N, C-alpha and C. Protein backbone atom coordinates (compact mmCIF):
# COMPACT_ATOMS: atom_id res chain seq x y z
N GLU A 1 -13.66 118.63 -51.98
CA GLU A 1 -13.37 118.37 -50.63
C GLU A 1 -14.49 118.76 -49.61
N GLU A 2 -15.16 119.92 -49.96
CA GLU A 2 -16.21 120.44 -49.06
C GLU A 2 -17.35 119.36 -49.10
N GLU A 3 -17.64 118.84 -50.28
CA GLU A 3 -18.68 117.76 -50.26
C GLU A 3 -18.28 116.66 -49.37
N TRP A 4 -17.04 116.34 -49.46
CA TRP A 4 -16.56 115.10 -48.64
C TRP A 4 -16.78 115.41 -47.19
N ARG A 5 -16.39 116.75 -46.74
CA ARG A 5 -16.63 117.06 -45.39
C ARG A 5 -18.12 117.12 -44.90
N VAL A 6 -18.91 117.53 -45.75
CA VAL A 6 -20.36 117.56 -45.43
C VAL A 6 -20.85 116.09 -45.39
N ARG A 7 -20.42 115.28 -46.24
CA ARG A 7 -20.86 113.89 -46.23
C ARG A 7 -20.33 113.27 -45.02
N MET A 8 -19.10 113.45 -44.60
CA MET A 8 -18.42 112.83 -43.37
C MET A 8 -19.19 113.39 -42.16
N ALA A 9 -19.48 114.71 -42.15
CA ALA A 9 -20.13 115.24 -41.04
C ALA A 9 -21.56 114.55 -40.75
N THR A 10 -22.14 114.40 -42.06
CA THR A 10 -23.59 113.82 -41.99
C THR A 10 -23.41 112.43 -41.53
N GLU A 11 -22.47 111.69 -41.97
CA GLU A 11 -22.33 110.32 -41.62
C GLU A 11 -21.93 110.24 -40.11
N CYS A 12 -21.05 111.12 -39.66
CA CYS A 12 -20.85 111.12 -38.22
C CYS A 12 -22.07 111.43 -37.32
N GLY A 13 -22.72 112.44 -37.85
CA GLY A 13 -23.95 112.76 -37.04
C GLY A 13 -24.89 111.61 -37.07
N ASN A 14 -25.04 110.95 -38.20
CA ASN A 14 -25.94 109.85 -38.19
C ASN A 14 -25.37 108.75 -37.36
N THR A 15 -24.11 108.58 -37.31
CA THR A 15 -23.57 107.50 -36.55
C THR A 15 -23.73 107.83 -35.10
N LYS A 16 -23.48 109.13 -34.71
CA LYS A 16 -23.77 109.52 -33.28
C LYS A 16 -25.17 109.27 -32.86
N LYS A 17 -26.15 109.75 -33.84
CA LYS A 17 -27.59 109.53 -33.50
C LYS A 17 -27.81 107.83 -33.37
N GLN A 18 -27.32 107.15 -34.20
CA GLN A 18 -27.49 105.74 -34.19
C GLN A 18 -26.91 105.16 -32.81
N ALA A 19 -25.76 105.67 -32.44
CA ALA A 19 -25.06 105.22 -31.26
C ALA A 19 -25.88 105.58 -30.06
N ASP A 20 -26.34 106.91 -29.95
CA ASP A 20 -27.20 107.36 -28.93
C ASP A 20 -28.57 106.50 -28.82
N LEU A 21 -29.11 106.15 -29.95
CA LEU A 21 -30.26 105.45 -29.99
C LEU A 21 -30.07 103.98 -29.43
N THR A 22 -28.84 103.44 -29.92
CA THR A 22 -28.52 102.07 -29.44
C THR A 22 -28.28 102.15 -28.00
N ALA A 23 -27.57 103.15 -27.44
CA ALA A 23 -27.30 103.26 -26.08
C ALA A 23 -28.62 103.32 -25.25
N GLN A 24 -29.61 104.16 -25.73
CA GLN A 24 -30.90 104.27 -25.04
C GLN A 24 -31.67 102.87 -25.10
N GLN A 25 -31.58 102.17 -26.27
CA GLN A 25 -32.27 100.79 -26.24
C GLN A 25 -31.66 99.88 -25.27
N LEU A 26 -30.22 99.85 -25.28
CA LEU A 26 -29.49 99.01 -24.36
C LEU A 26 -29.81 99.35 -22.91
N LYS A 27 -29.88 100.65 -22.64
CA LYS A 27 -30.20 101.06 -21.24
C LYS A 27 -31.67 100.56 -20.91
N ALA A 28 -32.52 100.82 -21.76
CA ALA A 28 -33.91 100.36 -21.54
C ALA A 28 -34.06 98.87 -21.28
N GLN A 29 -33.36 98.13 -22.15
CA GLN A 29 -33.27 96.66 -22.05
C GLN A 29 -32.65 96.30 -20.71
N HIS A 30 -31.73 96.97 -20.26
CA HIS A 30 -30.95 96.66 -19.01
C HIS A 30 -31.93 97.01 -17.90
N GLN A 31 -32.62 98.12 -17.85
CA GLN A 31 -33.57 98.34 -16.83
C GLN A 31 -34.73 97.29 -16.77
N ASP A 32 -35.24 96.94 -17.93
CA ASP A 32 -36.21 95.99 -18.11
C ASP A 32 -35.76 94.72 -17.32
N HIS A 33 -34.52 94.28 -17.73
CA HIS A 33 -33.99 93.09 -17.27
C HIS A 33 -33.79 93.16 -15.72
N ILE A 34 -33.43 94.24 -15.22
CA ILE A 34 -33.23 94.43 -13.69
C ILE A 34 -34.76 94.31 -13.06
N LYS A 35 -35.63 95.00 -13.69
CA LYS A 35 -36.96 94.83 -13.17
C LYS A 35 -37.56 93.44 -13.13
N GLN A 36 -37.20 92.75 -14.19
CA GLN A 36 -37.59 91.38 -14.37
C GLN A 36 -36.88 90.48 -13.22
N LEU A 37 -35.60 90.62 -13.05
CA LEU A 37 -34.81 89.87 -12.09
C LEU A 37 -35.36 90.32 -10.70
N THR A 38 -35.66 91.53 -10.52
CA THR A 38 -36.17 92.04 -9.19
C THR A 38 -37.53 91.29 -8.89
N THR A 39 -38.40 91.33 -9.87
CA THR A 39 -39.64 90.68 -9.76
C THR A 39 -39.54 89.18 -9.49
N GLU A 40 -38.66 88.50 -10.26
CA GLU A 40 -38.39 87.08 -10.00
C GLU A 40 -37.80 86.76 -8.65
N HIS A 41 -36.95 87.63 -8.31
CA HIS A 41 -36.38 87.58 -6.91
C HIS A 41 -37.31 87.69 -5.75
N LYS A 42 -38.25 88.75 -5.97
CA LYS A 42 -39.27 88.91 -5.03
C LYS A 42 -40.25 87.66 -4.91
N GLU A 43 -40.58 87.14 -6.11
CA GLU A 43 -41.46 86.04 -6.14
C GLU A 43 -40.80 84.74 -5.55
N LEU A 44 -39.47 84.58 -5.87
CA LEU A 44 -38.76 83.43 -5.33
C LEU A 44 -38.69 83.57 -3.76
N LEU A 45 -38.42 84.85 -3.34
CA LEU A 45 -38.36 85.11 -1.81
C LEU A 45 -39.66 84.82 -1.27
N GLN A 46 -40.79 85.29 -1.85
CA GLN A 46 -42.15 84.96 -1.31
C GLN A 46 -42.44 83.55 -1.28
N GLN A 47 -41.95 82.73 -2.22
CA GLN A 47 -42.17 81.22 -2.34
C GLN A 47 -41.33 80.63 -1.14
N ILE A 48 -40.17 81.08 -0.98
CA ILE A 48 -39.24 80.51 0.05
C ILE A 48 -39.85 80.78 1.32
N GLU A 49 -40.42 82.03 1.61
CA GLU A 49 -41.05 82.37 2.82
C GLU A 49 -42.25 81.52 3.17
N ALA A 50 -43.10 81.29 2.07
CA ALA A 50 -44.22 80.47 2.18
C ALA A 50 -43.90 79.13 2.55
N GLU A 51 -42.90 78.56 1.91
CA GLU A 51 -42.44 77.19 2.21
C GLU A 51 -42.01 77.12 3.73
N PHE A 52 -41.23 78.14 4.04
CA PHE A 52 -40.66 78.10 5.47
C PHE A 52 -41.80 78.19 6.51
N GLU A 53 -42.80 79.03 6.22
CA GLU A 53 -44.02 79.14 7.06
C GLU A 53 -44.70 77.79 7.15
N GLN A 54 -44.88 77.05 6.02
CA GLN A 54 -45.55 75.80 6.06
C GLN A 54 -44.75 74.76 6.75
N GLN A 55 -43.39 74.86 6.68
CA GLN A 55 -42.59 73.88 7.40
C GLN A 55 -42.61 74.15 8.93
N LEU A 56 -42.65 75.49 9.28
CA LEU A 56 -42.83 75.88 10.62
C LEU A 56 -44.15 75.43 11.19
N ILE A 57 -45.15 75.47 10.47
CA ILE A 57 -46.52 75.12 10.91
C ILE A 57 -46.55 73.50 11.08
N ASN A 58 -45.93 72.76 10.15
CA ASN A 58 -45.82 71.34 10.22
C ASN A 58 -45.02 70.91 11.38
N THR A 59 -43.84 71.53 11.62
CA THR A 59 -43.08 71.25 12.74
C THR A 59 -43.70 71.55 14.05
N LYS A 60 -44.51 72.66 14.23
CA LYS A 60 -45.17 72.94 15.43
C LYS A 60 -46.21 71.90 15.61
N GLN A 61 -47.01 71.49 14.45
CA GLN A 61 -48.07 70.49 14.66
C GLN A 61 -47.45 69.14 15.08
N GLU A 62 -46.26 68.77 14.45
CA GLU A 62 -45.67 67.50 14.86
C GLU A 62 -45.15 67.52 16.30
N THR A 63 -44.60 68.61 16.72
CA THR A 63 -44.22 68.84 18.09
C THR A 63 -45.35 68.74 19.01
N LYS A 64 -46.47 69.35 18.60
CA LYS A 64 -47.64 69.47 19.38
C LYS A 64 -48.14 68.06 19.59
N THR A 65 -48.30 67.26 18.57
CA THR A 65 -48.72 65.98 18.44
C THR A 65 -47.81 65.07 19.31
N GLU A 66 -46.50 65.25 19.17
CA GLU A 66 -45.57 64.41 19.88
C GLU A 66 -45.84 64.65 21.43
N TRP A 67 -45.86 65.98 21.79
CA TRP A 67 -46.04 66.15 23.26
C TRP A 67 -47.41 65.77 23.73
N GLU A 68 -48.41 65.98 22.88
CA GLU A 68 -49.73 65.37 23.39
C GLU A 68 -49.66 63.97 23.58
N ASN A 69 -48.99 63.20 22.65
CA ASN A 69 -48.86 61.64 22.77
C ASN A 69 -48.10 61.35 24.06
N LYS A 70 -47.02 62.14 24.30
CA LYS A 70 -46.18 61.90 25.58
C LYS A 70 -47.15 62.09 26.84
N PHE A 71 -47.86 63.26 26.75
CA PHE A 71 -48.69 63.60 27.96
C PHE A 71 -49.69 62.51 28.04
N LEU A 72 -50.36 62.02 27.01
CA LEU A 72 -51.30 61.06 27.12
C LEU A 72 -50.74 59.71 27.67
N HIS A 73 -49.58 59.33 27.25
CA HIS A 73 -48.97 58.20 27.80
C HIS A 73 -48.58 58.34 29.17
N PHE A 74 -48.14 59.63 29.67
CA PHE A 74 -47.84 59.84 31.03
C PHE A 74 -49.14 59.81 31.89
N LYS A 75 -50.20 60.37 31.32
CA LYS A 75 -51.52 60.30 31.93
C LYS A 75 -51.98 58.84 32.28
N GLN A 76 -51.83 58.03 31.19
CA GLN A 76 -52.26 56.58 31.34
C GLN A 76 -51.47 55.91 32.33
N GLU A 77 -50.16 56.27 32.35
CA GLU A 77 -49.34 55.57 33.43
C GLU A 77 -49.73 56.03 34.77
N MET A 78 -50.01 57.32 34.96
CA MET A 78 -50.45 57.70 36.29
C MET A 78 -51.75 57.14 36.70
N LYS A 79 -52.73 56.99 35.74
CA LYS A 79 -53.91 56.33 36.10
C LYS A 79 -53.74 54.85 36.54
N ALA A 80 -52.78 54.21 35.86
CA ALA A 80 -52.51 52.82 36.21
C ALA A 80 -51.92 52.75 37.62
N GLN A 81 -50.97 53.72 37.85
CA GLN A 81 -50.35 53.79 39.28
C GLN A 81 -51.34 54.06 40.22
N VAL A 82 -52.37 55.03 39.98
CA VAL A 82 -53.37 55.40 41.00
C VAL A 82 -54.21 54.07 41.23
N LEU A 83 -54.65 53.30 40.19
CA LEU A 83 -55.43 52.16 40.34
C LEU A 83 -54.71 51.19 41.23
N LEU A 84 -53.34 50.92 40.90
CA LEU A 84 -52.64 50.05 41.69
C LEU A 84 -52.45 50.31 43.06
N LEU A 85 -52.26 51.69 43.35
CA LEU A 85 -52.32 52.12 44.70
C LEU A 85 -53.55 51.94 45.53
N LYS A 86 -54.70 52.25 44.71
CA LYS A 86 -56.09 51.96 45.34
C LYS A 86 -56.27 50.47 45.74
N GLU A 87 -55.90 49.72 44.78
CA GLU A 87 -55.97 48.18 45.04
C GLU A 87 -55.15 47.80 46.21
N GLN A 88 -53.92 48.30 46.40
CA GLN A 88 -53.07 48.02 47.46
C GLN A 88 -53.70 48.49 48.80
N ALA A 89 -54.32 49.78 48.76
CA ALA A 89 -54.81 50.25 49.94
C ALA A 89 -56.03 49.42 50.33
N GLU A 90 -56.88 49.07 49.39
CA GLU A 90 -58.10 48.24 49.74
C GLU A 90 -57.67 46.99 50.34
N GLN A 91 -56.65 46.30 49.79
CA GLN A 91 -56.18 45.03 50.36
C GLN A 91 -55.72 45.17 51.77
N GLN A 92 -55.04 46.36 52.04
CA GLN A 92 -54.59 46.47 53.40
C GLN A 92 -55.71 46.81 54.38
N GLN A 93 -56.84 47.39 53.91
CA GLN A 93 -57.91 47.75 54.76
C GLN A 93 -58.80 46.55 55.02
N GLN A 94 -58.70 45.47 54.14
CA GLN A 94 -59.48 44.29 54.48
C GLN A 94 -59.08 43.61 55.82
N PRO A 95 -60.00 43.22 56.62
CA PRO A 95 -59.46 42.47 57.87
C PRO A 95 -58.72 41.27 57.61
N GLN A 96 -57.60 41.19 58.12
CA GLN A 96 -56.66 40.04 58.02
C GLN A 96 -57.21 39.08 59.06
N PRO A 97 -57.24 37.77 58.67
CA PRO A 97 -57.70 36.70 59.72
C PRO A 97 -56.71 36.82 60.91
N GLN A 98 -57.31 36.97 62.01
CA GLN A 98 -56.42 37.01 63.28
C GLN A 98 -56.16 35.72 63.79
N PRO A 99 -55.05 35.46 64.22
CA PRO A 99 -54.77 34.00 64.77
C PRO A 99 -55.65 33.90 66.13
N GLN A 100 -56.34 32.70 66.09
CA GLN A 100 -57.14 32.46 67.24
C GLN A 100 -56.36 32.25 68.55
N PRO A 101 -56.76 33.11 69.54
CA PRO A 101 -55.97 32.80 70.81
C PRO A 101 -56.17 31.47 71.32
N GLN A 102 -55.08 30.84 71.88
CA GLN A 102 -55.26 29.57 72.44
C GLN A 102 -55.84 29.69 73.91
N PRO A 103 -56.62 28.86 74.24
CA PRO A 103 -57.23 28.88 75.59
C PRO A 103 -56.11 28.81 76.62
N GLN A 104 -56.06 29.71 77.49
CA GLN A 104 -54.99 29.86 78.52
C GLN A 104 -55.38 28.94 79.61
N GLN A 105 -54.53 28.11 80.16
CA GLN A 105 -54.79 27.36 81.27
C GLN A 105 -54.34 28.13 82.52
N PRO A 106 -55.09 28.08 83.57
CA PRO A 106 -54.57 28.75 84.70
C PRO A 106 -53.19 28.35 85.12
N GLN A 107 -52.31 29.36 85.69
CA GLN A 107 -51.07 29.04 85.96
C GLN A 107 -50.90 27.94 86.86
N HIS A 108 -51.74 27.71 87.96
CA HIS A 108 -51.47 26.64 88.88
C HIS A 108 -51.80 25.30 88.14
N ALA A 109 -52.61 25.28 87.15
CA ALA A 109 -52.92 24.05 86.45
C ALA A 109 -51.70 23.65 85.56
N GLN A 110 -51.01 24.74 85.09
CA GLN A 110 -49.79 24.37 84.32
C GLN A 110 -48.78 23.80 85.18
N ALA A 111 -48.67 24.35 86.37
CA ALA A 111 -47.67 23.79 87.33
C ALA A 111 -48.10 22.40 87.72
N GLN A 112 -49.23 22.14 87.96
CA GLN A 112 -49.63 20.75 88.25
C GLN A 112 -49.32 19.72 87.14
N ALA A 113 -49.49 20.33 85.84
CA ALA A 113 -49.27 19.45 84.78
C ALA A 113 -47.93 19.09 84.62
N GLN A 114 -46.95 20.04 84.91
CA GLN A 114 -45.55 19.84 84.84
C GLN A 114 -45.17 18.90 86.01
N ALA A 115 -45.70 18.89 87.13
CA ALA A 115 -45.29 18.09 88.22
C ALA A 115 -45.67 16.67 88.00
């Protein structure tokens, strides 16, 4: 019976050592897995941030181009309006042909003609 107890104690001790070793291995694997996930998460976050920055840059450029085009169109319209107003002003400044005054007959001549 003593031999059996010694053998059981040894087996239990071995089993406890094995369990402790397995627990340590699992803990290390778990920590490695967490580190890997954290690294992947950081990389994914960096990728998302980079894509967001690029989209923001693209949107800013598109908006800038859109407003530049609108401003250019507005500027062209204003130039056309200014030219039209200049032409109208020049036409108004040109001397208009004045109606020729009709020779006036003296008043007593008109009276004689009526009589």
